[in-house]
Amino acid sequence: MMDLHMHTTASDGKLTPAELLAEASERGVTHLAITDHDTVDGYLLARDEAERLGLKLIPGIEWNTDGPEDELHILGYGLDISDARLLHAMDRRQRERIEWIAEIVERCNRLGMAITMEECTARAKGDVLVRTDVAEVLAARGFCSTPQAAFETYLRKGCPAYVPRPSFSAREAIELTHEVGGIAILAHPGIYSFEVKLDALLAYGIDGIEVYYSKHSAQQMAFWERQAKVNHLIRSGGSDFHGHGSRNPYPVGSVPIPAEVKEWWTCCMFHRH
């Protein structure tokens, strides 16, 4: 079994890297990638334990981008985690996230929802701050019924407390991933609220599409599978598991991936690491 999209406490997941690996092992997943947002810290913390458990683990990351193509997520796999360009980019993104969340907190306060940056930082189990941390604080303080309601009412694009992300485009994410030896995959194309500009991504050198995804309908999977085949792109798949009771609770290994796709990943990616 294979799962190429999962999160840990290094970003916005509920389980530590060790806990996630234990869950994967219990569920029979043998080949996996941890794809925390803008960091490979989860992978670094997991690789020794993965070897002890006999699991095949490759370096992964999920870049959060915003630019001409809107807010796309780009998955990177097989990165050289010692490359200074990657380390610099992750450090910069972490600093930008802190400034970004601080602006969101300030906007919430101006809207009459008195929360603090310290509360949001306490919610973040790792070093990567995300809007979910703010949403959880808003719900805990009683300003919204649930974190999801907070996100939909105040934090999503177009809402009163929304703040644009610091500039980091899909093109930049794809180019950076290539520079540090990785492949770049468009994450969950079926769930965006806008039309994906695939032609632009192809021009930037996107390598593949996450076709098999926990929130994709059968029709969406069929559509994106055709797009991948027509454009000779790599296909990937994963649960996007964030933890039980999270906004993405789909179990590790719950998304079926075709045998020929698993064979490509096993031969071309896992064999390298």
C-alpha atoms as a PDB file:
ATOM      1  CA  MET A   1       0.000   0.000   0.000  1.00  0.00           C
ATOM      2  CA  MET A   2       1.116   3.527  -0.796  1.00  0.00           C
ATOM      3  CA  ASP A   3       0.185   7.010   0.445  1.00  0.00           C
ATOM      4  CA  LEU A   4       1.999  10.028  -0.963  1.00  0.00           C
ATOM      5  CA  HIS A   5       0.258  12.864   0.888  1.00  0.00           C
ATOM      6  CA  MET A   6       0.199  13.123   4.701  1.00  0.00           C
ATOM      7  CA  HIS A   7       0.850  15.719   7.386  1.00  0.00           C
ATOM      8  CA  THR A   8       2.383  15.688  10.855  1.00  0.00           C
ATOM      9  CA  THR A   9       2.772  18.073  13.771  1.00  0.00           C
ATOM     10  CA  ALA A  10       5.700  19.603  11.863  1.00  0.00           C
ATOM     11  CA  SER A  11       2.989  21.614  10.076  1.00  0.00           C
ATOM     12  CA  ASP A  12      -0.763  21.259  10.662  1.00  0.00           C
ATOM     13  CA  GLY A  13      -1.185  17.538  11.308  1.00  0.00           C
ATOM     14  CA  LYS A  14      -2.399  16.097  14.607  1.00  0.00           C
ATOM     15  CA  LEU A  15       0.071  13.189  14.879  1.00  0.00           C
ATOM     16  CA  THR A  16       3.807  13.351  15.439  1.00  0.00           C
ATOM     17  CA  PRO A  17       5.972  11.814  12.708  1.00  0.00           C
ATOM     18  CA  ALA A  18       6.490   8.701  14.853  1.00  0.00           C
ATOM     19  CA  GLU A  19       2.759   8.383  15.536  1.00  0.00           C
ATOM     20  CA  LEU A  20       1.977   8.763  11.840  1.00  0.00           C
ATOM     21  CA  LEU A  21       4.455   6.044  10.914  1.00  0.00           C
ATOM     22  CA  ALA A  22       2.971   3.723  13.539  1.00  0.00           C
ATOM     23  CA  GLU A  23      -0.489   4.319  12.078  1.00  0.00           C
ATOM     24  CA  ALA A  24       0.791   3.682   8.557  1.00  0.00           C
ATOM     25  CA  SER A  25       2.447   0.462   9.644  1.00  0.00           C
ATOM     26  CA  GLU A  26      -0.707  -0.744  11.421  1.00  0.00           C
ATOM     27  CA  ARG A  27      -2.761  -0.063   8.293  1.00  0.00           C
ATOM     28  CA  GLY A  28      -0.346  -1.937   6.042  1.00  0.00           C
ATOM     29  CA  VAL A  29       1.046   1.086   4.212  1.00  0.00           C
ATOM     30  CA  THR A  30       4.598   0.270   3.122  1.00  0.00           C
ATOM     31  CA  HIS A  31       5.525   3.198   0.843  1.00  0.00           C
ATOM     32  CA  LEU A  32       4.785   6.757   1.933  1.00  0.00           C
ATOM     33  CA  ALA A  33       5.693  10.422   1.825  1.00  0.00           C
ATOM     34  CA  ILE A  34       5.242  13.035   4.535  1.00  0.00           C
ATOM     35  CA  THR A  35       4.311  16.310   2.834  1.00  0.00           C
ATOM     36  CA  ASP A  36       4.147  18.980   5.512  1.00  0.00           C
ATOM     37  CA  HIS A  37       3.501  22.568   4.473  1.00  0.00           C
ATOM     38  CA  ASP A  38       6.683  24.440   3.494  1.00  0.00           C
ATOM     39  CA  THR A  39       8.948  22.190   5.588  1.00  0.00           C
ATOM     40  CA  VAL A  40      10.691  18.803   5.522  1.00  0.00           C
ATOM     41  CA  ASP A  41      11.097  18.688   9.306  1.00  0.00           C
ATOM     42  CA  GLY A  42       8.516  15.885   9.551  1.00  0.00           C
ATOM     43  CA  TYR A  43      10.524  13.766   7.132  1.00  0.00           C
ATOM     44  CA  LEU A  44      13.766  14.438   9.026  1.00  0.00           C
ATOM     45  CA  LEU A  45      12.152  13.346  12.290  1.00  0.00           C
ATOM     46  CA  ALA A  46      10.627  10.242  10.687  1.00  0.00           C
ATOM     47  CA  ARG A  47      13.315   8.703   8.508  1.00  0.00           C
ATOM     48  CA  ASP A  48      15.147   6.707  11.189  1.00  0.00           C
ATOM     49  CA  GLU A  49      11.893   5.357  12.614  1.00  0.00           C
ATOM     50  CA  ALA A  50      10.699   4.474   9.113  1.00  0.00           C
ATOM     51  CA  GLU A  51      13.821   2.413   8.578  1.00  0.00           C
ATOM     52  CA  ARG A  52      13.310   0.658  11.918  1.00  0.00           C
ATOM     53  CA  LEU A  53       9.724  -0.220  10.940  1.00  0.00           C
ATOM     54  CA  GLY A  54      10.761  -1.369   7.469  1.00  0.00           C
ATOM     55  CA  LEU A  55       8.789   1.396   5.725  1.00  0.00           C
ATOM     56  CA  LYS A  56       9.906   3.101   2.531  1.00  0.00           C
ATOM     57  CA  LEU A  57       9.849   6.880   3.032  1.00  0.00           C
ATOM     58  CA  ILE A  58      10.779   9.575   0.505  1.00  0.00           C
ATOM     59  CA  PRO A  59      11.331  13.300   1.157  1.00  0.00           C
ATOM     60  CA  GLY A  60       8.223  15.347   0.464  1.00  0.00           C
ATOM     61  CA  ILE A  61       6.832  18.842   0.933  1.00  0.00           C
ATOM     62  CA  GLU A  62       3.658  20.760   0.128  1.00  0.00           C
ATOM     63  CA  TRP A  63       4.347  24.275  -1.054  1.00  0.00           C
ATOM     64  CA  ASN A  64       1.536  26.767  -0.440  1.00  0.00           C
ATOM     65  CA  THR A  65       1.594  29.244  -3.297  1.00  0.00           C
ATOM     66  CA  ASP A  66      -0.270  32.354  -4.366  1.00  0.00           C
ATOM     67  CA  GLY A  67       0.268  34.218  -7.602  1.00  0.00           C
ATOM     68  CA  PRO A  68      -1.170  34.567 -11.112  1.00  0.00           C
ATOM     69  CA  GLU A  69      -2.587  31.028 -10.871  1.00  0.00           C
ATOM     70  CA  ASP A  70      -4.265  31.775  -7.498  1.00  0.00           C
ATOM     71  CA  GLU A  71      -3.738  29.712  -4.322  1.00  0.00           C
ATOM     72  CA  LEU A  72      -2.382  26.427  -5.638  1.00  0.00           C
ATOM     73  CA  HIS A  73      -0.598  23.757  -3.624  1.00  0.00           C
ATOM     74  CA  ILE A  74       2.450  22.158  -5.232  1.00  0.00           C
ATOM     75  CA  LEU A  75       3.779  18.872  -3.887  1.00  0.00           C
ATOM     76  CA  GLY A  76       7.520  18.255  -4.143  1.00  0.00           C
ATOM     77  CA  TYR A  77       9.079  14.787  -3.935  1.00  0.00           C
ATOM     78  CA  GLY A  78      12.625  13.459  -3.904  1.00  0.00           C
ATOM     79  CA  LEU A  79      14.155  16.769  -2.845  1.00  0.00           C
ATOM     80  CA  ASP A  80      17.797  17.064  -1.823  1.00  0.00           C
ATOM     81  CA  ILE A  81      17.144  18.028   1.772  1.00  0.00           C
ATOM     82  CA  SER A  82      20.725  19.238   2.259  1.00  0.00           C
ATOM     83  CA  ASP A  83      20.542  21.777  -0.583  1.00  0.00           C
ATOM     84  CA  ALA A  84      21.137  25.294   0.745  1.00  0.00           C
ATOM     85  CA  ARG A  85      18.526  26.714  -1.645  1.00  0.00           C
ATOM     86  CA  LEU A  86      15.849  24.497  -0.094  1.00  0.00           C
ATOM     87  CA  LEU A  87      16.926  25.338   3.452  1.00  0.00           C
ATOM     88  CA  HIS A  88      16.894  29.058   2.663  1.00  0.00           C
ATOM     89  CA  ALA A  89      13.439  28.855   1.054  1.00  0.00           C
ATOM     90  CA  MET A  90      11.939  26.962   3.994  1.00  0.00           C
ATOM     91  CA  ASP A  91      13.417  29.437   6.478  1.00  0.00           C
ATOM     92  CA  ARG A  92      12.063  32.374   4.465  1.00  0.00           C
ATOM     93  CA  ARG A  93       8.609  30.806   4.185  1.00  0.00           C
ATOM     94  CA  GLN A  94       8.540  30.179   7.937  1.00  0.00           C
ATOM     95  CA  ARG A  95       9.368  33.819   8.703  1.00  0.00           C
ATOM     96  CA  GLU A  96       6.786  35.007   6.179  1.00  0.00           C
ATOM     97  CA  ARG A  97       4.134  32.773   7.729  1.00  0.00           C
ATOM     98  CA  ILE A  98       4.718  34.308  11.163  1.00  0.00           C
ATOM     99  CA  GLU A  99       4.277  37.818   9.730  1.00  0.00           C
ATOM    100  CA  TRP A 100       1.215  36.682   7.737  1.00  0.00           C
ATOM    101  CA  ILE A 101      -0.529  35.111  10.746  1.00  0.00           C
ATOM    102  CA  ALA A 102       0.293  38.182  12.853  1.00  0.00           C
ATOM    103  CA  GLU A 103      -1.570  40.314  10.287  1.00  0.00           C
ATOM    104  CA  ILE A 104      -4.552  37.969  10.399  1.00  0.00           C
ATOM    105  CA  VAL A 105      -4.597  38.141  14.213  1.00  0.00           C
ATOM    106  CA  GLU A 106      -4.497  41.953  14.045  1.00  0.00           C
ATOM    107  CA  ARG A 107      -7.415  41.941  11.590  1.00  0.00           C
ATOM    108  CA  CYS A 108      -9.413  39.637  13.879  1.00  0.00           C
ATOM    109  CA  ASN A 109      -8.847  42.072  16.728  1.00  0.00           C
ATOM    110  CA  ARG A 110     -10.065  44.974  14.606  1.00  0.00           C
ATOM    111  CA  LEU A 111     -13.223  42.929  13.951  1.00  0.00           C
ATOM    112  CA  GLY A 112     -13.814  42.686  17.704  1.00  0.00           C
ATOM    113  CA  MET A 113     -12.420  39.163  18.177  1.00  0.00           C
ATOM    114  CA  ALA A 114      -9.727  39.617  20.797  1.00  0.00           C
ATOM    115  CA  ILE A 115      -7.142  36.890  20.260  1.00  0.00           C
ATOM    116  CA  THR A 116      -3.357  36.918  20.579  1.00  0.00           C
ATOM    117  CA  MET A 117      -0.436  35.684  18.526  1.00  0.00           C
ATOM    118  CA  GLU A 118       0.687  33.675  21.558  1.00  0.00           C
ATOM    119  CA  GLU A 119      -2.569  31.708  21.526  1.00  0.00           C
ATOM    120  CA  CYS A 120      -2.093  30.832  17.855  1.00  0.00           C
ATOM    121  CA  THR A 121       1.548  29.861  18.356  1.00  0.00           C
ATOM    122  CA  ALA A 122       0.512  27.582  21.232  1.00  0.00           C
ATOM    123  CA  ARG A 123      -1.912  25.793  18.889  1.00  0.00           C
ATOM    124  CA  ALA A 124       0.870  25.120  16.372  1.00  0.00           C
ATOM    125  CA  LYS A 125       2.617  21.922  17.433  1.00  0.00           C
ATOM    126  CA  GLY A 126       5.499  22.519  15.015  1.00  0.00           C
ATOM    127  CA  ASP A 127       7.245  25.621  13.716  1.00  0.00           C
ATOM    128  CA  VAL A 128       4.845  26.178  10.798  1.00  0.00           C
ATOM    129  CA  LEU A 129       1.911  28.475  11.548  1.00  0.00           C
ATOM    130  CA  VAL A 130      -1.249  28.017   9.456  1.00  0.00           C
ATOM    131  CA  ARG A 131      -4.687  29.595   9.316  1.00  0.00           C
ATOM    132  CA  THR A 132      -6.088  26.499  11.032  1.00  0.00           C
ATOM    133  CA  ASP A 133      -4.274  27.599  14.198  1.00  0.00           C
ATOM    134  CA  VAL A 134      -6.158  30.917  14.101  1.00  0.00           C
ATOM    135  CA  ALA A 135      -9.431  29.133  13.350  1.00  0.00           C
ATOM    136  CA  GLU A 136      -8.983  26.859  16.370  1.00  0.00           C
ATOM    137  CA  VAL A 137      -8.342  29.842  18.639  1.00  0.00           C
ATOM    138  CA  LEU A 138     -11.428  31.661  17.327  1.00  0.00           C
ATOM    139  CA  ALA A 139     -13.538  28.569  18.036  1.00  0.00           C
ATOM    140  CA  ALA A 140     -11.974  27.987  21.467  1.00  0.00           C
ATOM    141  CA  ARG A 141     -12.694  31.590  22.454  1.00  0.00           C
ATOM    142  CA  GLY A 142     -16.323  31.227  21.376  1.00  0.00           C
ATOM    143  CA  PHE A 143     -16.232  33.610  18.426  1.00  0.00           C
ATOM    144  CA  CYS A 144     -17.274  30.758  16.108  1.00  0.00           C
ATOM    145  CA  SER A 145     -18.956  27.413  16.666  1.00  0.00           C
ATOM    146  CA  THR A 146     -16.175  25.356  15.076  1.00  0.00           C
ATOM    147  CA  PRO A 147     -12.754  25.930  13.497  1.00  0.00           C
ATOM    148  CA  GLN A 148     -14.292  25.161  10.108  1.00  0.00           C
ATOM    149  CA  ALA A 149     -16.960  27.824  10.677  1.00  0.00           C
ATOM    150  CA  ALA A 150     -14.215  30.302  11.621  1.00  0.00           C
ATOM    151  CA  PHE A 151     -12.346  29.478   8.447  1.00  0.00           C
ATOM    152  CA  GLU A 152     -15.400  29.807   6.218  1.00  0.00           C
ATOM    153  CA  THR A 153     -16.717  32.973   7.895  1.00  0.00           C
ATOM    154  CA  TYR A 154     -13.540  34.963   8.492  1.00  0.00           C
ATOM    155  CA  LEU A 155     -10.340  33.444   7.097  1.00  0.00           C
ATOM    156  CA  ARG A 156     -11.059  32.205   3.587  1.00  0.00           C
ATOM    157  CA  LYS A 157     -10.244  34.422   0.601  1.00  0.00           C
ATOM    158  CA  GLY A 158     -12.806  37.214   0.354  1.00  0.00           C
ATOM    159  CA  CYS A 159     -13.724  37.049   4.056  1.00  0.00           C
ATOM    160  CA  PRO A 160     -13.238  39.922   6.557  1.00  0.00           C
ATOM    161  CA  ALA A 161     -10.064  38.602   8.242  1.00  0.00           C
ATOM    162  CA  TYR A 162      -8.446  37.267   5.070  1.00  0.00           C
ATOM    163  CA  VAL A 163      -4.895  38.441   4.412  1.00  0.00           C
ATOM    164  CA  PRO A 164      -3.115  37.559   1.128  1.00  0.00           C
ATOM    165  CA  ARG A 165      -0.143  35.249   1.450  1.00  0.00           C
ATOM    166  CA  PRO A 166       3.361  36.602   0.841  1.00  0.00           C
ATOM    167  CA  SER A 167       4.199  36.273  -2.851  1.00  0.00           C
ATOM    168  CA  PHE A 168       5.392  32.787  -3.805  1.00  0.00           C
ATOM    169  CA  SER A 169       3.971  31.631  -7.089  1.00  0.00           C
ATOM    170  CA  ALA A 170       3.348  28.170  -8.466  1.00  0.00           C
ATOM    171  CA  ARG A 171       6.073  28.837 -11.015  1.00  0.00           C
ATOM    172  CA  GLU A 172       8.568  29.657  -8.257  1.00  0.00           C
ATOM    173  CA  ALA A 173       7.601  26.507  -6.340  1.00  0.00           C
ATOM    174  CA  ILE A 174       7.995  24.312  -9.429  1.00  0.00           C
ATOM    175  CA  GLU A 175      11.329  25.853 -10.367  1.00  0.00           C
ATOM    176  CA  LEU A 176      12.673  25.599  -6.814  1.00  0.00           C
ATOM    177  CA  THR A 177      11.603  21.958  -6.566  1.00  0.00           C
ATOM    178  CA  HIS A 178      13.467  21.190  -9.783  1.00  0.00           C
ATOM    179  CA  GLU A 179      16.542  23.133  -8.654  1.00  0.00           C
ATOM    180  CA  VAL A 180      16.845  20.951  -5.554  1.00  0.00           C
ATOM    181  CA  GLY A 181      16.461  17.694  -7.449  1.00  0.00           C
ATOM    182  CA  GLY A 182      12.766  17.000  -6.945  1.00  0.00           C
ATOM    183  CA  ILE A 183       9.648  16.502  -9.026  1.00  0.00           C
ATOM    184  CA  ALA A 184       6.686  18.888  -8.779  1.00  0.00           C
ATOM    185  CA  ILE A 185       3.107  17.591  -8.604  1.00  0.00           C
ATOM    186  CA  LEU A 186      -0.092  19.677  -8.665  1.00  0.00           C
ATOM    187  CA  ALA A 187      -1.958  18.830  -5.442  1.00  0.00           C
ATOM    188  CA  HIS A 188      -5.693  17.976  -5.335  1.00  0.00           C
ATOM    189  CA  PRO A 189      -6.756  19.811  -8.526  1.00  0.00           C
ATOM    190  CA  GLY A 190     -10.418  18.890  -8.073  1.00  0.00           C
ATOM    191  CA  ILE A 191     -11.031  20.821  -4.860  1.00  0.00           C
ATOM    192  CA  TYR A 192     -10.048  24.367  -5.819  1.00  0.00           C
ATOM    193  CA  SER A 193     -12.846  26.937  -6.043  1.00  0.00           C
ATOM    194  CA  PHE A 194     -11.349  28.297  -9.264  1.00  0.00           C
ATOM    195  CA  GLU A 195     -10.380  26.797 -12.611  1.00  0.00           C
ATOM    196  CA  VAL A 196      -6.870  25.368 -12.614  1.00  0.00           C
ATOM    197  CA  LYS A 197      -4.721  26.935 -15.355  1.00  0.00           C
ATOM    198  CA  LEU A 198      -3.110  23.688 -16.424  1.00  0.00           C
ATOM    199  CA  ASP A 199      -1.588  25.171 -19.586  1.00  0.00           C
ATOM    200  CA  ALA A 200       0.371  27.660 -17.481  1.00  0.00           C
ATOM    201  CA  LEU A 201       1.584  24.930 -15.140  1.00  0.00           C
ATOM    202  CA  LEU A 202       2.674  22.832 -18.106  1.00  0.00           C
ATOM    203  CA  ALA A 203       4.650  25.819 -19.396  1.00  0.00           C
ATOM    204  CA  TYR A 204       6.342  26.096 -15.995  1.00  0.00           C
ATOM    205  CA  GLY A 205       7.365  22.429 -16.134  1.00  0.00           C
ATOM    206  CA  ILE A 206       4.913  20.747 -13.760  1.00  0.00           C
ATOM    207  CA  ASP A 207       5.782  17.032 -13.649  1.00  0.00           C
ATOM    208  CA  GLY A 208       2.522  15.498 -12.510  1.00  0.00           C
ATOM    209  CA  ILE A 209      -0.970  15.633 -11.041  1.00  0.00           C
ATOM    210  CA  GLU A 210      -2.369  14.251  -7.791  1.00  0.00           C
ATOM    211  CA  VAL A 211      -5.194  12.359  -9.477  1.00  0.00           C
ATOM    212  CA  TYR A 212      -6.174   9.907  -6.718  1.00  0.00           C
ATOM    213  CA  TYR A 213      -7.193  12.023  -3.746  1.00  0.00           C
ATOM    214  CA  SER A 214      -9.462  11.604  -0.741  1.00  0.00           C
ATOM    215  CA  LYS A 215     -11.838  14.449  -1.682  1.00  0.00           C
ATOM    216  CA  HIS A 216     -11.981  13.789  -5.416  1.00  0.00           C
ATOM    217  CA  SER A 217     -15.159  12.317  -6.816  1.00  0.00           C
ATOM    218  CA  ALA A 218     -14.967   9.443  -9.277  1.00  0.00           C
ATOM    219  CA  GLN A 219     -15.701  11.926 -12.065  1.00  0.00           C
ATOM    220  CA  GLN A 220     -12.918  14.259 -10.945  1.00  0.00           C
ATOM    221  CA  MET A 221     -10.438  11.401 -10.763  1.00  0.00           C
ATOM    222  CA  ALA A 222     -11.421  10.267 -14.249  1.00  0.00           C
ATOM    223  CA  PHE A 223     -11.067  13.810 -15.615  1.00  0.00           C
ATOM    224  CA  TRP A 224      -7.641  14.453 -14.085  1.00  0.00           C
ATOM    225  CA  GLU A 225      -6.443  10.987 -15.009  1.00  0.00           C
ATOM    226  CA  ARG A 226      -7.210  11.840 -18.641  1.00  0.00           C
ATOM    227  CA  GLN A 227      -5.398  15.165 -18.317  1.00  0.00           C
ATOM    228  CA  ALA A 228      -2.339  13.432 -16.883  1.00  0.00           C
ATOM    229  CA  LYS A 229      -2.261  10.823 -19.633  1.00  0.00           C
ATOM    230  CA  VAL A 230      -2.847  13.279 -22.489  1.00  0.00           C
ATOM    231  CA  ASN A 231      -0.066  15.543 -21.214  1.00  0.00           C
ATOM    232  CA  HIS A 232       2.300  12.676 -20.302  1.00  0.00           C
ATOM    233  CA  LEU A 233       2.371  13.647 -16.641  1.00  0.00           C
ATOM    234  CA  ILE A 234       3.188  11.560 -13.580  1.00  0.00           C
ATOM    235  CA  ARG A 235       0.136  10.498 -11.588  1.00  0.00           C
ATOM    236  CA  SER A 236       0.150  10.416  -7.796  1.00  0.00           C
ATOM    237  CA  GLY A 237      -2.302   9.926  -4.970  1.00  0.00           C
ATOM    238  CA  GLY A 238      -2.782  10.226  -1.256  1.00  0.00           C
ATOM    239  CA  SER A 239      -5.136  10.677   1.663  1.00  0.00           C
ATOM    240  CA  ASP A 240      -3.985  14.150   2.786  1.00  0.00           C
ATOM    241  CA  PHE A 241      -4.398  12.748   6.303  1.00  0.00           C
ATOM    242  CA  HIS A 242      -4.111  15.453   8.978  1.00  0.00           C
ATOM    243  CA  GLY A 243      -5.247  13.385  11.953  1.00  0.00           C
ATOM    244  CA  HIS A 244      -8.410  11.888  13.384  1.00  0.00           C
ATOM    245  CA  GLY A 245     -11.049  14.550  13.935  1.00  0.00           C
ATOM    246  CA  SER A 246      -9.222  17.036  11.716  1.00  0.00           C
ATOM    247  CA  ARG A 247     -10.589  18.721   8.604  1.00  0.00           C
ATOM    248  CA  ASN A 248      -8.908  15.932   6.597  1.00  0.00           C
ATOM    249  CA  PRO A 249      -9.501  12.756   8.645  1.00  0.00           C
ATOM    250  CA  TYR A 250      -9.343  10.304   5.725  1.00  0.00           C
ATOM    251  CA  PRO A 251      -7.289   7.333   6.980  1.00  0.00           C
ATOM    252  CA  VAL A 252      -3.724   6.681   5.910  1.00  0.00           C
ATOM    253  CA  GLY A 253      -3.708   4.461   2.839  1.00  0.00           C
ATOM    254  CA  SER A 254      -7.441   4.904   2.216  1.00  0.00           C
ATOM    255  CA  VAL A 255      -7.064   6.193  -1.358  1.00  0.00           C
ATOM    256  CA  PRO A 256      -6.621   3.405  -3.935  1.00  0.00           C
ATOM    257  CA  ILE A 257      -3.755   4.005  -6.363  1.00  0.00           C
ATOM    258  CA  PRO A 258      -3.586   1.970  -9.593  1.00  0.00           C
ATOM    259  CA  ALA A 259      -0.908  -0.734  -9.739  1.00  0.00           C
ATOM    260  CA  GLU A 260       0.941   0.827 -12.682  1.00  0.00           C
ATOM    261  CA  VAL A 261       1.168   4.152 -10.830  1.00  0.00           C
ATOM    262  CA  LYS A 262       2.517   2.482  -7.695  1.00  0.00           C
ATOM    263  CA  GLU A 263       5.011   0.596  -9.846  1.00  0.00           C
ATOM    264  CA  TRP A 264       6.339   3.859 -11.328  1.00  0.00           C
ATOM    265  CA  TRP A 265       6.795   5.418  -7.899  1.00  0.00           C
ATOM    266  CA  THR A 266       8.417   2.287  -6.500  1.00  0.00           C
ATOM    267  CA  CYS A 267      10.898   2.035  -9.376  1.00  0.00           C
ATOM    268  CA  CYS A 268      11.593   5.697 -10.059  1.00  0.00           C
ATOM    269  CA  MET A 269      11.325   7.431  -6.678  1.00  0.00           C
ATOM    270  CA  PHE A 270      11.484   5.025  -3.751  1.00  0.00           C
ATOM    271  CA  HIS A 271      14.358   3.135  -5.375  1.00  0.00           C
ATOM    272  CA  ARG A 272      16.424   6.356  -5.239  1.00  0.00           C
ATOM    273  CA  HIS A 273      16.026   6.810  -1.466  1.00  0.00           C
END
